[in-house]
């Protein structure tokens, strides 16, 4: 059984059995027909994934890992906020007429800052410190910039990564303020697991643990039957997922450097409605 499947089943079951509904409140998200999109949620969901054991790719339904990698490279490598630089349409609903999502995600990571060692943006600072000061407890990124929130198409959901070296292993904590479990959970986990692997390889470390912390882990009302169907599936063994071992410059990785072997997954033919 894939550990990612087991974690997803347990976390979703916990939300459905023990969660809190927001139906007594006025909510911002809505469905295409204008109906408010209510959720059942759990506060403070923490899940650990040991990348030395297996890659956290679920088999309960297919996760488009290459597209997930493309998005994380769009944010962390291209530092872009324009959907023209992305090969999927997942951000179309939040882009303006020029294709920009505003001062969000990649924009924040690419803003340069002055340090004693010179000018760095947030990504380059992480890479520099892991190479020159790996024992630092200050290696992190944060894109939840209150000063710019009013100019963002969507406030960042995954807003912070904290990196920490233990021996020869690079570990990280991904912090999310909010997560739609059905549409985004395994997508985000795969993205940031790949990011951890790429940064570890670029700085001379082995990828260790990814700790995923979600403040508001929720399932939307119209997603509940779909989640119930998915978590009844019997998980397959975890597939093998890796990146090209010959790349040691973070900025040289492409989706062509991703490989996936023995990926079995259950078919899922339903169209998932997305609350916006």
Protein backbone atom coordinates (compact mmCIF):
# COMPACT_ATOMS: atom_id res chain seq x y z
CA UNK A 1 0.00 0.00 0.00
CA UNK A 2 1.19 3.51 -0.82
CA UNK A 3 1.73 5.53 2.35
CA UNK A 4 0.25 8.58 0.58
CA UNK A 5 -2.98 6.61 0.06
CA UNK A 6 -3.12 5.54 3.68
CA UNK A 7 -2.57 9.11 4.88
CA UNK A 8 -5.21 10.48 2.50
CA UNK A 9 -7.79 7.92 3.61
CA UNK A 10 -7.15 8.56 7.32
CA UNK A 11 -7.13 12.35 6.95
CA UNK A 12 -10.32 12.45 4.87
CA UNK A 13 -12.07 10.01 7.20
CA UNK A 14 -11.09 12.19 10.16
CA UNK A 15 -12.49 15.31 8.46
CA UNK A 16 -15.75 13.60 7.48
CA UNK A 17 -16.27 11.91 10.87
CA UNK A 18 -14.97 14.59 13.23
CA UNK A 19 -14.88 17.84 11.28
CA UNK A 20 -16.74 21.12 11.73
CA UNK A 21 -19.17 22.57 9.17
CA UNK A 22 -19.13 26.25 8.20
CA UNK A 23 -22.79 26.30 7.14
CA UNK A 24 -23.66 28.82 9.86
CA UNK A 25 -21.31 31.38 8.29
CA UNK A 26 -21.27 33.48 5.15
CA UNK A 27 -18.43 32.12 2.99
CA UNK A 28 -16.39 33.64 0.17
CA UNK A 29 -16.07 30.58 -2.17
CA UNK A 30 -18.95 29.79 -4.49
CA UNK A 31 -19.88 27.32 -7.22
CA UNK A 32 -20.37 28.21 -10.88
CA UNK A 33 -24.11 28.55 -10.33
CA UNK A 34 -23.55 31.12 -7.57
CA UNK A 35 -24.36 28.77 -4.68
CA UNK A 36 -22.13 29.24 -1.63
CA UNK A 37 -19.49 26.50 -1.41
CA UNK A 38 -19.54 25.27 2.18
CA UNK A 39 -16.99 22.93 3.74
CA UNK A 40 -16.42 20.50 6.56
CA UNK A 41 -12.95 20.95 8.02
CA UNK A 42 -10.34 19.96 10.55
CA UNK A 43 -7.90 22.44 12.03
CA UNK A 44 -4.17 21.71 12.14
CA UNK A 45 -3.65 18.62 9.97
CA UNK A 46 -0.03 17.45 10.12
CA UNK A 47 1.31 14.62 7.93
CA UNK A 48 4.90 13.42 7.56
CA UNK A 49 6.31 11.87 4.38
CA UNK A 50 9.71 10.15 4.43
CA UNK A 51 11.10 10.48 0.92
CA UNK A 52 13.88 8.00 1.68
CA UNK A 53 11.21 5.29 1.82
CA UNK A 54 8.85 6.18 -1.02
CA UNK A 55 7.55 9.05 -3.07
CA UNK A 56 4.12 10.22 -1.78
CA UNK A 57 2.10 9.65 -4.95
CA UNK A 58 -1.42 8.35 -4.33
CA UNK A 59 -2.91 5.49 -6.32
CA UNK A 60 -6.54 5.94 -5.21
CA UNK A 61 -6.86 8.12 -8.30
CA UNK A 62 -4.36 9.54 -10.76
CA UNK A 63 -2.32 12.62 -9.88
CA UNK A 64 -0.86 14.39 -12.92
CA UNK A 65 2.67 14.54 -11.54
CA UNK A 66 4.26 16.17 -14.60
CA UNK A 67 1.72 18.99 -14.52
CA UNK A 68 2.26 19.37 -10.78
CA UNK A 69 6.00 19.64 -11.38
CA UNK A 70 5.42 22.16 -14.16
CA UNK A 71 3.51 24.39 -11.75
CA UNK A 72 6.14 24.22 -9.00
CA UNK A 73 8.83 25.11 -11.56
CA UNK A 74 6.62 27.99 -12.75
CA UNK A 75 6.57 29.33 -9.20
CA UNK A 76 10.04 28.49 -7.86
CA UNK A 77 12.24 28.38 -10.95
CA UNK A 78 10.61 30.80 -13.41
CA UNK A 79 9.27 32.93 -10.52
CA UNK A 80 6.43 33.84 -12.83
CA UNK A 81 2.99 35.23 -12.12
CA UNK A 82 1.74 34.93 -15.71
CA UNK A 83 -0.27 31.94 -16.85
CA UNK A 84 1.30 32.16 -20.32
CA UNK A 85 4.42 30.61 -18.72
CA UNK A 86 2.41 27.65 -17.41
CA UNK A 87 1.42 24.64 -19.48
CA UNK A 88 -1.89 23.94 -17.71
CA UNK A 89 -5.04 25.98 -17.12
CA UNK A 90 -5.36 25.59 -13.35
CA UNK A 91 -4.80 29.32 -12.71
CA UNK A 92 -7.07 30.67 -15.45
CA UNK A 93 -9.90 31.58 -13.06
CA UNK A 94 -7.63 33.86 -11.03
CA UNK A 95 -5.79 35.64 -13.86
CA UNK A 96 -6.61 39.08 -15.22
CA UNK A 97 -7.10 39.97 -18.89
CA UNK A 98 -3.32 40.08 -19.37
CA UNK A 99 -2.83 36.63 -17.87
CA UNK A 100 -1.34 37.86 -14.59
CA UNK A 101 -2.27 36.56 -11.14
CA UNK A 102 -0.85 39.74 -9.64
CA UNK A 103 1.88 39.96 -7.01
CA UNK A 104 1.39 36.34 -5.96
CA UNK A 105 3.43 33.13 -5.73
CA UNK A 106 6.36 33.35 -8.18
CA UNK A 107 6.37 37.14 -8.06
CA UNK A 108 7.04 37.09 -4.31
CA UNK A 109 9.84 34.52 -4.58
CA UNK A 110 11.56 36.59 -7.27
CA UNK A 111 11.67 39.94 -5.46
CA UNK A 112 15.37 40.72 -4.71
CA UNK A 113 16.52 41.68 -1.22
CA UNK A 114 19.82 43.09 0.01
CA UNK A 115 21.89 40.87 2.32
CA UNK A 116 25.46 41.29 3.60
CA UNK A 117 26.54 38.76 0.96
CA UNK A 118 24.75 40.60 -1.87
CA UNK A 119 21.37 40.70 -3.61
CA UNK A 120 19.28 37.54 -3.42
CA UNK A 121 15.67 36.64 -4.04
CA UNK A 122 14.09 34.06 -1.72
CA UNK A 123 14.94 31.01 -3.83
CA UNK A 124 18.55 32.02 -4.40
CA UNK A 125 18.93 32.76 -0.70
CA UNK A 126 17.78 29.21 0.15
CA UNK A 127 20.23 27.73 -2.36
CA UNK A 128 23.07 29.94 -1.11
CA UNK A 129 22.52 29.14 2.57
CA UNK A 130 22.22 25.39 1.99
CA UNK A 131 25.57 25.46 0.21
CA UNK A 132 27.38 27.87 2.55
CA UNK A 133 25.59 27.70 5.90
CA UNK A 134 23.59 24.44 6.00
CA UNK A 135 23.31 24.35 9.81
CA UNK A 136 21.36 27.59 9.81
CA UNK A 137 17.88 27.47 11.34
CA UNK A 138 16.83 30.47 9.24
CA UNK A 139 16.50 28.86 5.81
CA UNK A 140 12.93 29.53 4.78
CA UNK A 141 10.66 31.27 2.31
CA UNK A 142 7.45 33.18 2.95
CA UNK A 143 5.22 34.52 0.19
CA UNK A 144 2.34 35.72 2.38
CA UNK A 145 3.29 39.37 2.05
CA UNK A 146 0.52 41.43 3.68
CA UNK A 147 1.68 44.57 1.89
CA UNK A 148 0.86 43.00 -1.50
CA UNK A 149 -2.23 40.90 -0.71
CA UNK A 150 -4.59 43.42 -2.29
CA UNK A 151 -2.70 42.98 -5.59
CA UNK A 152 -2.93 39.17 -5.67
CA UNK A 153 -5.44 37.19 -7.72
CA UNK A 154 -5.58 34.67 -4.87
CA UNK A 155 -3.98 34.84 -1.44
CA UNK A 156 -1.28 32.14 -1.24
CA UNK A 157 -2.52 28.81 0.12
CA UNK A 158 0.91 27.13 0.30
CA UNK A 159 2.80 30.11 1.67
CA UNK A 160 5.94 28.95 3.45
CA UNK A 161 8.74 26.39 3.18
CA UNK A 162 11.21 25.88 6.02
CA UNK A 163 14.34 23.88 5.18
CA UNK A 164 16.42 22.07 7.78
CA UNK A 165 19.53 19.92 7.37
CA UNK A 166 20.01 16.84 9.58
CA UNK A 167 23.25 15.03 8.77
CA UNK A 168 23.20 14.46 5.01
CA UNK A 169 19.43 14.82 4.72
CA UNK A 170 17.51 17.92 3.72
CA UNK A 171 14.09 18.09 5.37
CA UNK A 172 11.35 20.65 4.91
CA UNK A 173 8.07 21.86 6.37
CA UNK A 174 5.37 23.01 3.97
CA UNK A 175 2.87 25.37 5.61
CA UNK A 176 -0.56 25.90 4.10
CA UNK A 177 -3.26 28.19 5.43
CA UNK A 178 -5.95 26.23 3.58
CA UNK A 179 -6.38 23.14 1.43
CA UNK A 180 -9.14 21.64 -0.69
CA UNK A 181 -8.49 17.96 0.05
CA UNK A 182 -10.00 16.50 -3.11
CA UNK A 183 -8.51 18.78 -5.75
CA UNK A 184 -5.23 19.85 -4.16
CA UNK A 185 -3.97 17.55 -1.41
CA UNK A 186 -1.87 15.02 -3.29
CA UNK A 187 -1.08 17.55 -6.01
CA UNK A 188 0.60 19.85 -3.46
CA UNK A 189 2.34 16.99 -1.68
CA UNK A 190 3.86 15.73 -4.94
CA UNK A 191 4.88 19.26 -5.93
CA UNK A 192 6.75 20.03 -2.76
CA UNK A 193 8.24 16.55 -2.51
CA UNK A 194 9.71 17.13 -5.99
CA UNK A 195 10.85 20.61 -4.96
CA UNK A 196 12.61 19.14 -1.92
CA UNK A 197 14.27 16.50 -4.11
CA UNK A 198 15.46 19.07 -6.66
CA UNK A 199 16.82 21.48 -4.06
CA UNK A 200 18.49 18.65 -2.12
CA UNK A 201 20.21 17.35 -5.25
CA UNK A 202 21.25 20.89 -6.21
CA UNK A 203 22.91 21.52 -2.85
CA UNK A 204 24.55 18.17 -2.17
CA UNK A 205 22.02 16.54 0.15
CA UNK A 206 19.63 13.61 0.15
CA UNK A 207 15.93 14.41 0.35
CA UNK A 208 14.61 13.41 3.76
CA UNK A 209 11.25 14.25 5.34
CA UNK A 210 8.54 16.52 4.04
CA UNK A 211 6.24 17.61 6.85
CA UNK A 212 2.93 18.99 5.59
CA UNK A 213 1.05 21.34 7.91
CA UNK A 214 -2.43 22.56 6.94
CA UNK A 215 -4.30 25.03 9.13
CA UNK A 216 -7.71 24.51 7.49
CA UNK A 217 -7.98 21.10 5.79
CA UNK A 218 -11.43 20.90 4.26
CA UNK A 219 -13.75 18.98 1.96
CA UNK A 220 -16.37 20.93 0.02
CA UNK A 221 -20.02 19.92 0.30
CA UNK A 222 -20.30 18.86 -3.37
CA UNK A 223 -17.07 16.86 -3.10
CA UNK A 224 -18.18 14.55 -0.29
CA UNK A 225 -19.69 11.79 -2.47
CA UNK A 226 -16.56 11.83 -4.65
CA UNK A 227 -14.24 11.59 -1.64
CA UNK A 228 -16.32 8.77 -0.16
CA UNK A 229 -16.02 6.87 -3.45
CA UNK A 230 -12.25 7.40 -3.73
CA UNK A 231 -11.35 6.33 -0.19
CA UNK A 232 -13.17 3.02 -0.68
CA UNK A 233 -10.62 2.02 -3.33
CA UNK A 234 -7.93 -0.51 -2.43
CA UNK A 235 -4.54 1.20 -2.76
CA UNK A 236 -1.86 -0.15 -5.08
CA UNK A 237 1.84 -0.32 -4.13
CA UNK A 238 3.66 2.99 -4.27
CA UNK A 239 5.20 3.76 -7.68
CA UNK A 240 8.83 4.76 -8.11
CA UNK A 241 9.29 8.45 -8.83
CA UNK A 242 12.61 10.21 -9.32
CA UNK A 243 14.51 12.99 -11.05
CA UNK A 244 17.49 13.01 -13.38
CA UNK A 245 20.54 12.35 -11.14
CA UNK A 246 22.83 14.25 -13.53
CA UNK A 247 21.24 17.67 -12.86
CA UNK A 248 22.89 19.64 -10.05
CA UNK A 249 21.71 23.14 -10.88
CA UNK A 250 18.20 23.87 -9.68
CA UNK A 251 17.56 26.15 -12.65
CA UNK A 252 18.32 23.38 -15.16
CA UNK A 253 15.52 21.01 -14.12
CA UNK A 254 12.63 20.52 -16.53
CA UNK A 255 9.66 18.19 -16.50
CA UNK A 256 11.64 15.96 -18.88
CA UNK A 257 13.89 15.14 -15.91
CA UNK A 258 11.01 13.46 -14.09
CA UNK A 259 10.54 9.69 -14.30
CA UNK A 260 7.69 7.56 -12.98
CA UNK A 261 7.77 3.77 -12.93
CA UNK A 262 5.06 1.22 -12.16
CA UNK A 263 2.31 3.75 -11.51
CA UNK A 264 -0.96 1.88 -11.04
CA UNK A 265 -4.02 3.92 -10.14
CA UNK A 266 -7.79 3.66 -10.04
CA UNK A 267 -9.81 5.27 -12.80
CA UNK A 268 -11.83 8.29 -11.76
CA UNK A 269 -14.19 9.51 -14.45
CA UNK A 270 -16.10 12.19 -12.55
CA UNK A 271 -15.57 15.86 -13.33
CA UNK A 272 -14.66 17.62 -10.10
CA UNK A 273 -16.41 20.97 -9.58
CA UNK A 274 -14.03 23.69 -8.38
CA UNK A 275 -15.12 26.37 -5.93
CA UNK A 276 -13.75 29.84 -6.68
